[in-house]
């Protein structure tokens, strides 16, 4: 995981919306596409970017692929941000 990929993924409002939906739990691409009212190909592009940034993982169950948040990555990002909130001031 690189922070550059994470920030690139977060820069797009549509991808942030996907992350908010996945915060509620795992979901199939079809349901995500339906909820966001975007084409499957557009969703595929966004999911590919989120997976590359390691923000989303996928798993297969029967004939469906489910997507979910990689919460450990968000913990790492929060630790990185907290480094700027220390009590020491220069």
PDB file of N, CA and C in Angstrom:
ATOM      1  N   UNK A   1       0.848  -1.176   0.000  1.00  0.00           N
ATOM      2  CA  UNK A   1       0.000   0.000   0.000  1.00  0.00           C
ATOM      3  C   UNK A   1       0.884   1.225   0.000  1.00  0.00           C
ATOM      4  N   UNK A   2       0.563   2.154  -0.870  1.00  0.00           N
ATOM      5  CA  UNK A   2       1.238   3.430  -0.872  1.00  0.00           C
ATOM      6  C   UNK A   2       0.233   4.527  -0.576  1.00  0.00           C
ATOM      7  N   UNK A   3       0.683   5.529   0.148  1.00  0.00           N
ATOM      8  CA  UNK A   3      -0.235   6.621   0.465  1.00  0.00           C
ATOM      9  C   UNK A   3      -0.695   7.348  -0.787  1.00  0.00           C
ATOM     10  N   UNK A   4       0.151   7.408  -1.804  1.00  0.00           N
ATOM     11  CA  UNK A   4      -0.239   8.088  -3.040  1.00  0.00           C
ATOM     12  C   UNK A   4      -1.464   7.423  -3.662  1.00  0.00           C
ATOM     13  N   UNK A   5      -1.482   6.072  -3.699  1.00  0.00           N
ATOM     14  CA  UNK A   5      -2.636   5.364  -4.252  1.00  0.00           C
ATOM     15  C   UNK A   5      -3.877   5.586  -3.398  1.00  0.00           C
ATOM     16  N   UNK A   6      -3.689   5.645  -2.092  1.00  0.00           N
ATOM     17  CA  UNK A   6      -4.822   5.873  -1.189  1.00  0.00           C
ATOM     18  C   UNK A   6      -5.434   7.246  -1.424  1.00  0.00           C
ATOM     19  N   UNK A   7      -4.585   8.266  -1.514  1.00  0.00           N
ATOM     20  CA  UNK A   7      -5.114   9.615  -1.716  1.00  0.00           C
ATOM     21  C   UNK A   7      -5.726   9.775  -3.108  1.00  0.00           C
ATOM     22  N   UNK A   8      -5.157   9.116  -4.097  1.00  0.00           N
ATOM     23  CA  UNK A   8      -5.744   9.147  -5.443  1.00  0.00           C
ATOM     24  C   UNK A   8      -7.140   8.522  -5.408  1.00  0.00           C
ATOM     25  N   UNK A   9      -7.254   7.404  -4.715  1.00  0.00           N
ATOM     26  CA  UNK A   9      -8.551   6.738  -4.626  1.00  0.00           C
ATOM     27  C   UNK A   9      -9.574   7.607  -3.904  1.00  0.00           C
ATOM     28  N   UNK A  10      -9.143   8.301  -2.869  1.00  0.00           N
ATOM     29  CA  UNK A  10     -10.053   9.142  -2.095  1.00  0.00           C
ATOM     30  C   UNK A  10     -10.406  10.450  -2.800  1.00  0.00           C
ATOM     31  N   UNK A  11      -9.653  10.818  -3.820  1.00  0.00           N
ATOM     32  CA  UNK A  11      -9.876  12.096  -4.499  1.00  0.00           C
ATOM     33  C   UNK A  11     -11.194  12.125  -5.277  1.00  0.00           C
ATOM     34  N   UNK A  12     -11.695  10.984  -5.677  1.00  0.00           N
ATOM     35  CA  UNK A  12     -12.902  10.931  -6.498  1.00  0.00           C
ATOM     36  C   UNK A  12     -14.150  10.791  -5.621  1.00  0.00           C
ATOM     37  N   UNK A  13     -15.146  11.673  -5.799  1.00  0.00           N
ATOM     38  CA  UNK A  13     -16.354  11.594  -4.963  1.00  0.00           C
ATOM     39  C   UNK A  13     -17.134  10.288  -5.135  1.00  0.00           C
ATOM     40  N   UNK A  14     -17.106   9.728  -6.334  1.00  0.00           N
ATOM     41  CA  UNK A  14     -17.818   8.466  -6.571  1.00  0.00           C
ATOM     42  C   UNK A  14     -17.177   7.329  -5.768  1.00  0.00           C
ATOM     43  N   UNK A  15     -15.870   7.315  -5.689  1.00  0.00           N
ATOM     44  CA  UNK A  15     -15.182   6.276  -4.908  1.00  0.00           C
ATOM     45  C   UNK A  15     -15.417   6.479  -3.413  1.00  0.00           C
ATOM     46  N   UNK A  16     -15.477   7.722  -2.968  1.00  0.00           N
ATOM     47  CA  UNK A  16     -15.797   7.970  -1.558  1.00  0.00           C
ATOM     48  C   UNK A  16     -17.200   7.471  -1.236  1.00  0.00           C
ATOM     49  N   UNK A  17     -18.116   7.626  -2.179  1.00  0.00           N
ATOM     50  CA  UNK A  17     -19.478   7.131  -1.987  1.00  0.00           C
ATOM     51  C   UNK A  17     -19.496   5.601  -1.909  1.00  0.00           C
ATOM     52  N   UNK A  18     -18.704   4.945  -2.727  1.00  0.00           N
ATOM     53  CA  UNK A  18     -18.589   3.480  -2.673  1.00  0.00           C
ATOM     54  C   UNK A  18     -18.093   3.053  -1.298  1.00  0.00           C
ATOM     55  N   UNK A  19     -17.084   3.741  -0.791  1.00  0.00           N
ATOM     56  CA  UNK A  19     -16.541   3.410   0.525  1.00  0.00           C
ATOM     57  C   UNK A  19     -17.588   3.599   1.619  1.00  0.00           C
ATOM     58  N   UNK A  20     -18.387   4.647   1.505  1.00  0.00           N
ATOM     59  CA  UNK A  20     -19.445   4.870   2.493  1.00  0.00           C
ATOM     60  C   UNK A  20     -20.489   3.753   2.444  1.00  0.00           C
ATOM     61  N   UNK A  21     -20.824   3.307   1.246  1.00  0.00           N
ATOM     62  CA  UNK A  21     -21.775   2.198   1.126  1.00  0.00           C
ATOM     63  C   UNK A  21     -21.199   0.913   1.704  1.00  0.00           C
ATOM     64  N   UNK A  22     -19.920   0.666   1.455  1.00  0.00           N
ATOM     65  CA  UNK A  22     -19.292  -0.551   1.964  1.00  0.00           C
ATOM     66  C   UNK A  22     -19.072  -0.489   3.469  1.00  0.00           C
ATOM     67  N   UNK A  23     -19.103   0.694   4.029  1.00  0.00           N
ATOM     68  CA  UNK A  23     -18.996   0.826   5.484  1.00  0.00           C
ATOM     69  C   UNK A  23     -20.171   0.133   6.171  1.00  0.00           C
ATOM     70  N   UNK A  24     -21.292   0.032   5.467  1.00  0.00           N
ATOM     71  CA  UNK A  24     -22.485  -0.616   6.007  1.00  0.00           C
ATOM     72  C   UNK A  24     -22.384  -2.141   5.942  1.00  0.00           C
ATOM     73  N   UNK A  25     -21.413  -2.646   5.189  1.00  0.00           N
ATOM     74  CA  UNK A  25     -21.224  -4.088   5.070  1.00  0.00           C
ATOM     75  C   UNK A  25     -20.874  -4.477   3.652  1.00  0.00           C
ATOM     76  N   UNK A  26     -20.518  -5.738   3.466  1.00  0.00           N
ATOM     77  CA  UNK A  26     -20.125  -6.202   2.134  1.00  0.00           C
ATOM     78  C   UNK A  26     -21.306  -6.138   1.178  1.00  0.00           C
ATOM     79  N   UNK A  27     -20.975  -6.041  -0.113  1.00  0.00           N
ATOM     80  CA  UNK A  27     -22.003  -5.846  -1.121  1.00  0.00           C
ATOM     81  C   UNK A  27     -21.493  -6.356  -2.468  1.00  0.00           C
ATOM     82  N   UNK A  28     -22.415  -6.788  -3.319  1.00  0.00           N
ATOM     83  CA  UNK A  28     -22.036  -7.214  -4.662  1.00  0.00           C
ATOM     84  C   UNK A  28     -21.909  -5.998  -5.573  1.00  0.00           C
ATOM     85  N   UNK A  29     -21.223  -6.188  -6.675  1.00  0.00           N
ATOM     86  CA  UNK A  29     -21.065  -5.097  -7.648  1.00  0.00           C
ATOM     87  C   UNK A  29     -22.417  -4.675  -8.207  1.00  0.00           C
ATOM     88  N   UNK A  30     -23.289  -5.625  -8.442  1.00  0.00           N
ATOM     89  CA  UNK A  30     -24.609  -5.305  -8.975  1.00  0.00           C
ATOM     90  C   UNK A  30     -25.398  -4.388  -8.062  1.00  0.00           C
ATOM     91  N   UNK A  31     -25.369  -4.686  -6.765  1.00  0.00           N
ATOM     92  CA  UNK A  31     -26.096  -3.832  -5.811  1.00  0.00           C
ATOM     93  C   UNK A  31     -25.445  -2.463  -5.684  1.00  0.00           C
ATOM     94  N   UNK A  32     -24.105  -2.432  -5.708  1.00  0.00           N
ATOM     95  CA  UNK A  32     -23.422  -1.136  -5.653  1.00  0.00           C
ATOM     96  C   UNK A  32     -23.781  -0.290  -6.863  1.00  0.00           C
ATOM     97  N   UNK A  33     -23.754  -0.901  -8.038  1.00  0.00           N
ATOM     98  CA  UNK A  33     -24.073  -0.200  -9.276  1.00  0.00           C
ATOM     99  C   UNK A  33     -25.497   0.349  -9.228  1.00  0.00           C
ATOM    100  N   UNK A  34     -26.401  -0.456  -8.717  1.00  0.00           N
ATOM    101  CA  UNK A  34     -27.809  -0.049  -8.603  1.00  0.00           C
ATOM    102  C   UNK A  34     -27.979   1.108  -7.623  1.00  0.00           C
ATOM    103  N   UNK A  35     -27.342   1.013  -6.463  1.00  0.00           N
ATOM    104  CA  UNK A  35     -27.466   2.066  -5.446  1.00  0.00           C
ATOM    105  C   UNK A  35     -26.849   3.387  -5.898  1.00  0.00           C
ATOM    106  N   UNK A  36     -25.748   3.295  -6.643  1.00  0.00           N
ATOM    107  CA  UNK A  36     -25.051   4.502  -7.091  1.00  0.00           C
ATOM    108  C   UNK A  36     -25.601   5.049  -8.404  1.00  0.00           C
ATOM    109  N   UNK A  37     -26.424   4.225  -9.062  1.00  0.00           N
ATOM    110  CA  UNK A  37     -26.992   4.607 -10.360  1.00  0.00           C
ATOM    111  C   UNK A  37     -25.888   4.909 -11.389  1.00  0.00           C
ATOM    112  N   UNK A  38     -24.907   3.990 -11.448  1.00  0.00           N
ATOM    113  CA  UNK A  38     -23.850   4.097 -12.445  1.00  0.00           C
ATOM    114  C   UNK A  38     -23.760   2.782 -13.208  1.00  0.00           C
ATOM    115  N   UNK A  39     -23.150   2.829 -14.361  1.00  0.00           N
ATOM    116  CA  UNK A  39     -23.028   1.630 -15.184  1.00  0.00           C
ATOM    117  C   UNK A  39     -22.065   0.631 -14.540  1.00  0.00           C
ATOM    118  N   UNK A  40     -22.253  -0.645 -14.831  1.00  0.00           N
ATOM    119  CA  UNK A  40     -21.315  -1.649 -14.304  1.00  0.00           C
ATOM    120  C   UNK A  40     -19.866  -1.388 -14.714  1.00  0.00           C
ATOM    121  N   UNK A  41     -19.653  -0.883 -15.926  1.00  0.00           N
ATOM    122  CA  UNK A  41     -18.276  -0.614 -16.360  1.00  0.00           C
ATOM    123  C   UNK A  41     -17.652   0.539 -15.568  1.00  0.00           C
ATOM    124  N   UNK A  42     -18.441   1.558 -15.262  1.00  0.00           N
ATOM    125  CA  UNK A  42     -17.934   2.671 -14.444  1.00  0.00           C
ATOM    126  C   UNK A  42     -17.605   2.179 -13.035  1.00  0.00           C
ATOM    127  N   UNK A  43     -18.486   1.344 -12.482  1.00  0.00           N
ATOM    128  CA  UNK A  43     -18.237   0.801 -11.153  1.00  0.00           C
ATOM    129  C   UNK A  43     -16.988  -0.069 -11.156  1.00  0.00           C
ATOM    130  N   UNK A  44     -16.815  -0.859 -12.193  1.00  0.00           N
ATOM    131  CA  UNK A  44     -15.644  -1.720 -12.305  1.00  0.00           C
ATOM    132  C   UNK A  44     -14.356  -0.900 -12.269  1.00  0.00           C
ATOM    133  N   UNK A  45     -14.352   0.223 -12.965  1.00  0.00           N
ATOM    134  CA  UNK A  45     -13.187   1.109 -12.971  1.00  0.00           C
ATOM    135  C   UNK A  45     -12.891   1.613 -11.553  1.00  0.00           C
ATOM    136  N   UNK A  46     -13.927   2.070 -10.858  1.00  0.00           N
ATOM    137  CA  UNK A  46     -13.737   2.594  -9.506  1.00  0.00           C
ATOM    138  C   UNK A  46     -13.290   1.501  -8.538  1.00  0.00           C
ATOM    139  N   UNK A  47     -13.882   0.313  -8.646  1.00  0.00           N
ATOM    140  CA  UNK A  47     -13.491  -0.785  -7.770  1.00  0.00           C
ATOM    141  C   UNK A  47     -12.045  -1.200  -8.025  1.00  0.00           C
ATOM    142  N   UNK A  48     -11.629  -1.177  -9.286  1.00  0.00           N
ATOM    143  CA  UNK A  48     -10.246  -1.513  -9.617  1.00  0.00           C
ATOM    144  C   UNK A  48      -9.288  -0.533  -8.941  1.00  0.00           C
ATOM    145  N   UNK A  49      -9.619   0.751  -8.974  1.00  0.00           N
ATOM    146  CA  UNK A  49      -8.782   1.768  -8.329  1.00  0.00           C
ATOM    147  C   UNK A  49      -8.747   1.571  -6.820  1.00  0.00           C
ATOM    148  N   UNK A  50      -9.900   1.274  -6.225  1.00  0.00           N
ATOM    149  CA  UNK A  50      -9.962   1.054  -4.783  1.00  0.00           C
ATOM    150  C   UNK A  50      -9.208  -0.208  -4.369  1.00  0.00           C
ATOM    151  N   UNK A  51      -9.278  -1.244  -5.189  1.00  0.00           N
ATOM    152  CA  UNK A  51      -8.535  -2.477  -4.892  1.00  0.00           C
ATOM    153  C   UNK A  51      -7.031  -2.241  -5.031  1.00  0.00           C
ATOM    154  N   UNK A  52      -6.632  -1.476  -6.043  1.00  0.00           N
ATOM    155  CA  UNK A  52      -5.214  -1.162  -6.233  1.00  0.00           C
ATOM    156  C   UNK A  52      -4.664  -0.392  -5.029  1.00  0.00           C
ATOM    157  N   UNK A  53      -5.502   0.467  -4.454  1.00  0.00           N
ATOM    158  CA  UNK A  53      -5.110   1.229  -3.266  1.00  0.00           C
ATOM    159  C   UNK A  53      -5.258   0.396  -1.995  1.00  0.00           C
ATOM    160  N   UNK A  54      -5.705  -0.837  -2.128  1.00  0.00           N
ATOM    161  CA  UNK A  54      -5.877  -1.768  -1.012  1.00  0.00           C
ATOM    162  C   UNK A  54      -6.949  -1.304  -0.033  1.00  0.00           C
ATOM    163  N   UNK A  55      -7.898  -0.512  -0.508  1.00  0.00           N
ATOM    164  CA  UNK A  55      -8.979  -0.028   0.344  1.00  0.00           C
ATOM    165  C   UNK A  55     -10.174  -0.971   0.350  1.00  0.00           C
ATOM    166  N   UNK A  56     -10.264  -1.779  -0.677  1.00  0.00           N
ATOM    167  CA  UNK A  56     -11.385  -2.702  -0.827  1.00  0.00           C
ATOM    168  C   UNK A  56     -10.828  -4.088  -1.120  1.00  0.00           C
ATOM    169  N   UNK A  57     -11.453  -5.087  -0.527  1.00  0.00           N
ATOM    170  CA  UNK A  57     -11.114  -6.469  -0.828  1.00  0.00           C
ATOM    171  C   UNK A  57     -12.338  -7.150  -1.423  1.00  0.00           C
ATOM    172  N   UNK A  58     -12.105  -8.280  -2.052  1.00  0.00           N
ATOM    173  CA  UNK A  58     -13.223  -9.013  -2.632  1.00  0.00           C
ATOM    174  C   UNK A  58     -13.129 -10.481  -2.245  1.00  0.00           C
ATOM    175  N   UNK A  59     -14.281 -11.108  -2.200  1.00  0.00           N
ATOM    176  CA  UNK A  59     -14.321 -12.546  -1.975  1.00  0.00           C
ATOM    177  C   UNK A  59     -15.501 -13.112  -2.741  1.00  0.00           C
ATOM    178  N   UNK A  60     -15.383 -14.378  -3.116  1.00  0.00           N
ATOM    179  CA  UNK A  60     -16.422 -15.033  -3.900  1.00  0.00           C
ATOM    180  C   UNK A  60     -17.227 -15.959  -3.009  1.00  0.00           C
ATOM    181  N   UNK A  61     -18.521 -15.916  -3.228  1.00  0.00           N
ATOM    182  CA  UNK A  61     -19.437 -16.801  -2.528  1.00  0.00           C
ATOM    183  C   UNK A  61     -20.459 -17.294  -3.544  1.00  0.00           C
ATOM    184  N   UNK A  62     -20.393 -18.576  -3.849  1.00  0.00           N
ATOM    185  CA  UNK A  62     -21.201 -19.186  -4.899  1.00  0.00           C
ATOM    186  C   UNK A  62     -20.940 -18.461  -6.212  1.00  0.00           C
ATOM    187  N   UNK A  63     -21.963 -17.864  -6.816  1.00  0.00           N
ATOM    188  CA  UNK A  63     -21.802 -17.195  -8.112  1.00  0.00           C
ATOM    189  C   UNK A  63     -21.615 -15.685  -7.987  1.00  0.00           C
ATOM    190  N   UNK A  64     -21.396 -15.195  -6.789  1.00  0.00           N
ATOM    191  CA  UNK A  64     -21.316 -13.755  -6.575  1.00  0.00           C
ATOM    192  C   UNK A  64     -19.944 -13.352  -6.039  1.00  0.00           C
ATOM    193  N   UNK A  65     -19.537 -12.141  -6.397  1.00  0.00           N
ATOM    194  CA  UNK A  65     -18.322 -11.535  -5.855  1.00  0.00           C
ATOM    195  C   UNK A  65     -18.770 -10.418  -4.931  1.00  0.00           C
ATOM    196  N   UNK A  66     -18.309 -10.473  -3.702  1.00  0.00           N
ATOM    197  CA  UNK A  66     -18.650  -9.457  -2.715  1.00  0.00           C
ATOM    198  C   UNK A  66     -17.437  -8.568  -2.468  1.00  0.00           C
ATOM    199  N   UNK A  67     -17.725  -7.301  -2.228  1.00  0.00           N
ATOM    200  CA  UNK A  67     -16.688  -6.314  -1.940  1.00  0.00           C
ATOM    201  C   UNK A  67     -16.893  -5.811  -0.523  1.00  0.00           C
ATOM    202  N   UNK A  68     -15.772  -5.556   0.161  1.00  0.00           N
ATOM    203  CA  UNK A  68     -15.853  -5.013   1.508  1.00  0.00           C
ATOM    204  C   UNK A  68     -14.638  -4.132   1.786  1.00  0.00           C
ATOM    205  N   UNK A  69     -14.765  -3.304   2.819  1.00  0.00           N
ATOM    206  CA  UNK A  69     -13.672  -2.409   3.195  1.00  0.00           C
ATOM    207  C   UNK A  69     -12.511  -3.184   3.792  1.00  0.00           C
ATOM    208  N   UNK A  70     -11.321  -2.711   3.522  1.00  0.00           N
ATOM    209  CA  UNK A  70     -10.127  -3.210   4.184  1.00  0.00           C
ATOM    210  C   UNK A  70      -9.870  -2.262   5.354  1.00  0.00           C
ATOM    211  N   UNK A  71     -10.451  -2.564   6.487  1.00  0.00           N
ATOM    212  CA  UNK A  71     -10.384  -1.637   7.617  1.00  0.00           C
ATOM    213  C   UNK A  71      -8.973  -1.471   8.166  1.00  0.00           C
ATOM    214  N   UNK A  72      -8.119  -2.465   7.992  1.00  0.00           N
ATOM    215  CA  UNK A  72      -6.751  -2.315   8.506  1.00  0.00           C
ATOM    216  C   UNK A  72      -6.018  -1.190   7.776  1.00  0.00           C
ATOM    217  N   UNK A  73      -6.315  -0.991   6.507  1.00  0.00           N
ATOM    218  CA  UNK A  73      -5.681   0.104   5.772  1.00  0.00           C
ATOM    219  C   UNK A  73      -6.129   1.449   6.333  1.00  0.00           C
ATOM    220  N   UNK A  74      -7.408   1.563   6.666  1.00  0.00           N
ATOM    221  CA  UNK A  74      -7.901   2.825   7.212  1.00  0.00           C
ATOM    222  C   UNK A  74      -7.271   3.108   8.573  1.00  0.00           C
ATOM    223  N   UNK A  75      -6.985   2.061   9.331  1.00  0.00           N
ATOM    224  CA  UNK A  75      -6.274   2.243  10.600  1.00  0.00           C
ATOM    225  C   UNK A  75      -4.879   2.822  10.342  1.00  0.00           C
ATOM    226  N   UNK A  76      -4.196   2.307   9.322  1.00  0.00           N
ATOM    227  CA  UNK A  76      -2.859   2.808   8.975  1.00  0.00           C
ATOM    228  C   UNK A  76      -2.910   4.271   8.550  1.00  0.00           C
ATOM    229  N   UNK A  77      -3.909   4.626   7.758  1.00  0.00           N
ATOM    230  CA  UNK A  77      -4.045   6.015   7.300  1.00  0.00           C
ATOM    231  C   UNK A  77      -4.315   6.934   8.493  1.00  0.00           C
ATOM    232  N   UNK A  78      -5.156   6.491   9.424  1.00  0.00           N
ATOM    233  CA  UNK A  78      -5.449   7.310  10.597  1.00  0.00           C
ATOM    234  C   UNK A  78      -4.199   7.513  11.454  1.00  0.00           C
ATOM    235  N   UNK A  79      -3.384   6.482  11.579  1.00  0.00           N
ATOM    236  CA  UNK A  79      -2.122   6.630  12.323  1.00  0.00           C
ATOM    237  C   UNK A  79      -1.209   7.636  11.643  1.00  0.00           C
ATOM    238  N   UNK A  80      -1.193   7.609  10.313  1.00  0.00           N
ATOM    239  CA  UNK A  80      -0.370   8.557   9.572  1.00  0.00           C
ATOM    240  C   UNK A  80      -0.851   9.985   9.836  1.00  0.00           C
ATOM    241  N   UNK A  81      -2.186  10.202   9.819  1.00  0.00           N
ATOM    242  CA  UNK A  81      -2.727  11.534  10.093  1.00  0.00           C
ATOM    243  C   UNK A  81      -2.457  11.959  11.537  1.00  0.00           C
ATOM    244  N   UNK A  82      -2.548  11.030  12.453  1.00  0.00           N
ATOM    245  CA  UNK A  82      -2.337  11.366  13.857  1.00  0.00           C
ATOM    246  C   UNK A  82      -0.910  11.833  14.125  1.00  0.00           C
ATOM    247  N   UNK A  83       0.018  11.449  13.276  1.00  0.00           N
ATOM    248  CA  UNK A  83       1.399  11.903  13.431  1.00  0.00           C
ATOM    249  C   UNK A  83       1.485  13.431  13.328  1.00  0.00           C
ATOM    250  N   UNK A  84       0.518  14.031  12.666  1.00  0.00           N
ATOM    251  CA  UNK A  84       0.503  15.499  12.522  1.00  0.00           C
ATOM    252  C   UNK A  84      -0.222  16.185  13.649  1.00  0.00           C
ATOM    253  N   UNK A  85      -0.865  15.412  14.500  1.00  0.00           N
ATOM    254  CA  UNK A  85      -1.663  15.983  15.585  1.00  0.00           C
ATOM    255  C   UNK A  85      -0.983  15.850  16.949  1.00  0.00           C
ATOM    256  N   UNK A  86       0.302  15.563  16.937  1.00  0.00           N
ATOM    257  CA  UNK A  86       1.032  15.399  18.209  1.00  0.00           C
ATOM    258  C   UNK A  86       1.067  16.688  19.000  1.00  0.00           C
ATOM    259  N   UNK A  87       1.415  16.565  20.245  1.00  0.00           N
ATOM    260  CA  UNK A  87       1.436  17.731  21.118  1.00  0.00           C
ATOM    261  C   UNK A  87       2.687  18.575  20.943  1.00  0.00           C
ATOM    262  N   UNK A  88       3.714  17.998  20.363  1.00  0.00           N
ATOM    263  CA  UNK A  88       4.952  18.757  20.159  1.00  0.00           C
ATOM    264  C   UNK A  88       4.770  19.740  19.015  1.00  0.00           C
ATOM    265  N   UNK A  89       5.147  20.975  19.232  1.00  0.00           N
ATOM    266  CA  UNK A  89       5.081  21.993  18.191  1.00  0.00           C
ATOM    267  C   UNK A  89       6.496  22.513  17.946  1.00  0.00           C
ATOM    268  N   UNK A  90       6.787  22.768  16.705  1.00  0.00           N
ATOM    269  CA  UNK A  90       8.111  23.296  16.374  1.00  0.00           C
ATOM    270  C   UNK A  90       8.116  24.795  16.497  1.00  0.00           C
TER     271      UNK A  90
END
